[in-house]
Protein backbone atom coordinates (compact mmCIF):
# COMPACT_ATOMS: atom_id res chain seq x y z
CA UNK A 1 108.35 87.16 119.60
CA UNK A 2 106.44 90.24 118.45
CA UNK A 3 105.18 90.60 114.90
CA UNK A 4 107.78 92.13 112.58
CA UNK A 5 107.47 95.58 111.07
CA UNK A 6 106.59 94.82 107.47
CA UNK A 7 108.16 96.78 104.61
CA UNK A 8 105.99 97.67 101.59
CA UNK A 9 106.02 95.24 98.68
CA UNK A 10 103.92 94.82 95.51
CA UNK A 11 101.29 92.13 95.33
CA UNK A 12 102.04 89.42 92.76
CA UNK A 13 100.72 89.95 89.26
CA UNK A 14 98.90 87.15 87.40
CA UNK A 15 101.93 86.35 85.26
CA UNK A 16 104.03 85.87 88.41
CA UNK A 17 101.87 83.16 89.94
CA UNK A 18 103.05 79.55 90.19
CA UNK A 19 101.51 76.90 87.98
CA UNK A 20 98.67 74.97 89.57
CA UNK A 21 98.76 71.17 89.59
CA UNK A 22 94.98 70.77 89.51
CA UNK A 23 92.27 72.34 87.29
CA UNK A 24 89.73 73.18 90.01
CA UNK A 25 87.43 76.15 89.49
CA UNK A 26 85.29 77.94 92.05
CA UNK A 27 81.57 77.18 92.04
CA UNK A 28 79.54 79.62 94.19
CA UNK A 29 77.09 76.83 95.04
CA UNK A 30 79.96 74.83 96.59
CA UNK A 31 82.24 77.56 97.97
CA UNK A 32 82.66 79.28 101.32
CA UNK A 33 84.76 82.44 101.66
CA UNK A 34 87.15 82.54 104.64
CA UNK A 35 88.35 85.97 105.74
CA UNK A 36 91.39 84.97 107.73
CA UNK A 37 92.58 87.03 110.72
CA UNK A 38 91.97 90.53 109.32
CA UNK A 39 92.19 92.18 112.74
CA UNK A 40 94.08 95.40 113.39
CA UNK A 41 96.48 93.47 115.63
CA UNK A 42 97.86 91.79 112.50
CA UNK A 43 97.30 94.63 110.04
CA UNK A 44 99.05 97.28 112.12
CA UNK A 45 102.35 95.59 111.24
CA UNK A 46 101.93 96.75 107.62
CA UNK A 47 102.76 100.27 106.39
CA UNK A 48 99.46 102.15 106.39
CA UNK A 49 98.16 103.23 103.00
CA UNK A 50 100.66 101.16 101.01
CA UNK A 51 100.89 97.82 99.29
CA UNK A 52 100.43 95.01 100.02
CA UNK A 53 97.77 95.79 102.61
CA UNK A 54 95.81 98.31 100.52
CA UNK A 55 95.40 95.96 97.57
CA UNK A 56 94.73 92.96 99.80
CA UNK A 57 91.91 94.77 101.61
CA UNK A 58 90.41 96.16 98.39
CA UNK A 59 90.41 92.74 96.73
CA UNK A 60 88.96 91.06 99.81
CA UNK A 61 86.16 93.65 99.80
CA UNK A 62 85.41 92.83 96.15
CA UNK A 63 85.21 89.12 96.93
CA UNK A 64 83.00 89.75 99.95
CA UNK A 65 80.55 91.70 97.82
CA UNK A 66 80.45 88.98 95.16
CA UNK A 67 79.96 86.12 97.60
CA UNK A 68 77.24 87.97 99.49
CA UNK A 69 75.39 88.81 96.25
CA UNK A 70 75.33 85.12 95.39
CA UNK A 71 74.22 84.04 98.84
CA UNK A 72 77.44 82.10 99.42
CA UNK A 73 78.54 81.81 103.07
CA UNK A 74 81.23 84.07 104.49
CA UNK A 75 83.22 83.12 107.61
CA UNK A 76 85.62 85.32 109.56
CA UNK A 77 88.36 83.84 111.71
CA UNK A 78 89.60 86.07 114.52
CA UNK A 79 91.66 85.62 117.64
CA UNK A 80 90.20 86.43 121.02
CA UNK A 81 91.85 89.14 123.08
CA UNK A 82 93.57 88.49 126.38
CA UNK A 83 94.15 84.75 125.97
CA UNK A 84 95.53 82.83 128.91
CA UNK A 85 98.85 80.96 128.59
CA UNK A 86 96.87 77.71 128.52
CA UNK A 87 94.75 78.97 125.63
CA UNK A 88 97.81 80.20 123.73
CA UNK A 89 99.69 76.93 124.08
CA UNK A 90 102.85 76.76 121.94
CA UNK A 91 101.91 80.00 120.20
CA UNK A 92 103.05 81.71 123.40
CA UNK A 93 106.58 80.41 122.83
CA UNK A 94 106.68 81.54 119.20
CA UNK A 95 104.61 84.75 119.22
CA UNK A 96 104.08 85.88 122.80
CA UNK A 97 100.73 86.64 124.44
CA UNK A 98 98.82 87.42 121.25
CA UNK A 99 96.05 89.94 120.72
CA UNK A 100 95.53 92.41 123.56
CA UNK A 101 92.04 92.78 124.99
CA UNK A 102 91.78 96.13 123.20
CA UNK A 103 88.84 97.14 120.96
CA UNK A 104 91.11 98.63 118.29
CA UNK A 105 93.40 95.60 118.10
CA UNK A 106 90.44 93.20 117.95
CA UNK A 107 88.51 95.15 115.31
CA UNK A 108 88.29 94.38 111.60
CA UNK A 109 88.69 97.38 109.23
CA UNK A 110 85.40 98.83 108.01
CA UNK A 111 86.14 98.06 104.35
CA UNK A 112 86.11 94.32 105.07
CA UNK A 113 83.95 94.25 108.20
CA UNK A 114 81.47 91.41 108.80
CA UNK A 115 77.91 91.96 107.61
CA UNK A 116 74.60 90.53 108.71
CA UNK A 117 74.52 86.83 107.93
CA UNK A 118 78.29 86.34 108.08
CA UNK A 119 79.75 83.93 110.65
CA UNK A 120 82.54 84.74 113.11
CA UNK A 121 84.76 81.99 114.49
CA UNK A 122 87.33 82.19 117.26
CA UNK A 123 90.79 81.32 115.93
CA UNK A 124 93.14 79.35 118.20
CA UNK A 125 95.93 77.95 116.05
CA UNK A 126 97.46 78.51 112.61
CA UNK A 127 94.73 76.57 110.84
CA UNK A 128 91.24 78.04 111.06
CA UNK A 129 89.88 74.50 111.41
CA UNK A 130 91.55 73.75 114.76
CA UNK A 131 89.19 73.90 117.76
CA UNK A 132 86.59 75.72 115.64
CA UNK A 133 83.28 74.98 113.94
CA UNK A 134 84.57 75.65 110.42
CA UNK A 135 84.54 72.00 109.31
CA UNK A 136 81.03 71.44 110.67
CA UNK A 137 79.76 74.67 109.13
CA UNK A 138 81.03 73.61 105.73
CA UNK A 139 79.47 70.16 106.02
CA UNK A 140 76.14 71.54 107.20
CA UNK A 141 76.08 74.06 104.35
CA UNK A 142 77.01 71.43 101.77
CA UNK A 143 80.22 73.27 100.92
CA UNK A 144 83.38 71.51 99.76
CA UNK A 145 85.37 74.49 98.46
CA UNK A 146 87.21 76.99 100.67
CA UNK A 147 88.32 80.34 99.23
CA UNK A 148 90.89 81.99 101.49
CA UNK A 149 91.80 85.66 101.88
CA UNK A 150 93.66 87.45 104.67
CA UNK A 151 96.93 87.20 106.59
CA UNK A 152 99.52 85.87 106.92
CA UNK A 153 99.99 83.91 103.70
CA UNK A 154 102.81 81.61 104.83
CA UNK A 155 101.30 80.92 108.25
CA UNK A 156 97.55 80.69 108.86
CA UNK A 157 96.45 81.02 105.23
CA UNK A 158 98.74 78.21 104.10
CA UNK A 159 97.99 75.99 107.10
CA UNK A 160 94.22 76.43 106.60
CA UNK A 161 94.58 75.49 102.92
CA UNK A 162 96.61 72.40 103.83
CA UNK A 163 94.09 71.45 106.51
CA UNK A 164 91.27 71.78 103.98
CA UNK A 165 93.12 69.42 101.61
CA UNK A 166 93.46 66.85 104.39
CA UNK A 167 89.67 67.01 104.81
CA UNK A 168 89.07 66.52 101.04
CA UNK A 169 87.95 70.12 100.68
CA UNK A 170 89.17 72.04 97.64
CA UNK A 171 91.11 75.13 98.74
CA UNK A 172 91.70 78.30 96.72
CA UNK A 173 94.29 80.86 97.85
CA UNK A 174 93.63 84.29 96.32
CA UNK A 175 97.14 85.58 95.65
CA UNK A 176 96.28 89.30 95.62
CA UNK A 177 93.83 89.06 98.53
CA UNK A 178 96.40 87.71 101.00
CA UNK A 179 99.47 89.43 102.46
CA UNK A 180 102.57 88.40 104.38
CA UNK A 181 105.71 89.45 106.23
CA UNK A 182 107.55 89.92 102.92
CA UNK A 183 107.21 89.26 99.22
CA UNK A 184 109.55 86.28 99.64
CA UNK A 185 107.26 84.74 102.28
CA UNK A 186 104.22 85.54 100.12
CA UNK A 187 105.70 83.87 97.06
CA UNK A 188 106.83 80.83 99.05
CA UNK A 189 103.31 80.33 100.38
CA UNK A 190 101.83 80.52 96.89
CA UNK A 191 104.35 78.06 95.45
CA UNK A 192 103.77 75.55 98.23
CA UNK A 193 99.99 75.84 98.02
CA UNK A 194 99.89 75.47 94.23
CA UNK A 195 102.18 72.46 94.35
CA UNK A 196 100.72 70.63 97.32
CA UNK A 197 97.19 71.47 98.40
CA UNK A 198 95.33 74.28 96.62
CA UNK A 199 94.67 76.33 93.53
CA UNK A 200 96.32 79.75 93.52
CA UNK A 201 94.24 82.35 91.73
CA UNK A 202 93.59 86.10 91.56
CA UNK A 203 90.61 88.20 92.51
CA UNK A 204 89.79 89.05 88.89
CA UNK A 205 90.05 85.43 87.73
CA UNK A 206 87.89 84.19 90.60
CA UNK A 207 85.22 86.85 90.01
CA UNK A 208 85.01 85.78 86.37
CA UNK A 209 84.48 82.16 87.45
CA UNK A 210 81.60 82.95 89.79
């Protein structure tokens, strides 16, 4: 039930991305950036100082800087430490007790840490929308586009993108600003998102759009 030890793998290059079914582009006046679950609890499973985590963090930092410069909202999802079995629900069966009530495990790395004006949401399930204020925050801010970075691509990132689609919110999964258990899981998440609920893009392409 513990997180797996993740072997290094290269992030996908632009020419390796799946074809998108829709022609959506990111508009900074409509978009909100979601930094999904970038806590040390999840990142410690990756090999330190190697891909994919190094590139994922660097690209997320670039997107954070761009969104903040444009005054676009940034939201962090993060799990609370020391959850009770009732709070964990079925996640307890699949993944065990979750994040320990430990400052290191709960922390976000400095390179992608929240800044003044960013919003932090408690994350309870795979989708960042479940039992959170994310949907209301987007409505109140007049935002109908969700740009997603973080981990893990085939779990919470993909489920948040699918949940956005079901709310008629355009989702964008940034292929080189997410990471996963393996390159196979990463690629599967991108294929499913591009074919069913989101636009799959890269950090460089998105920065050019905004």
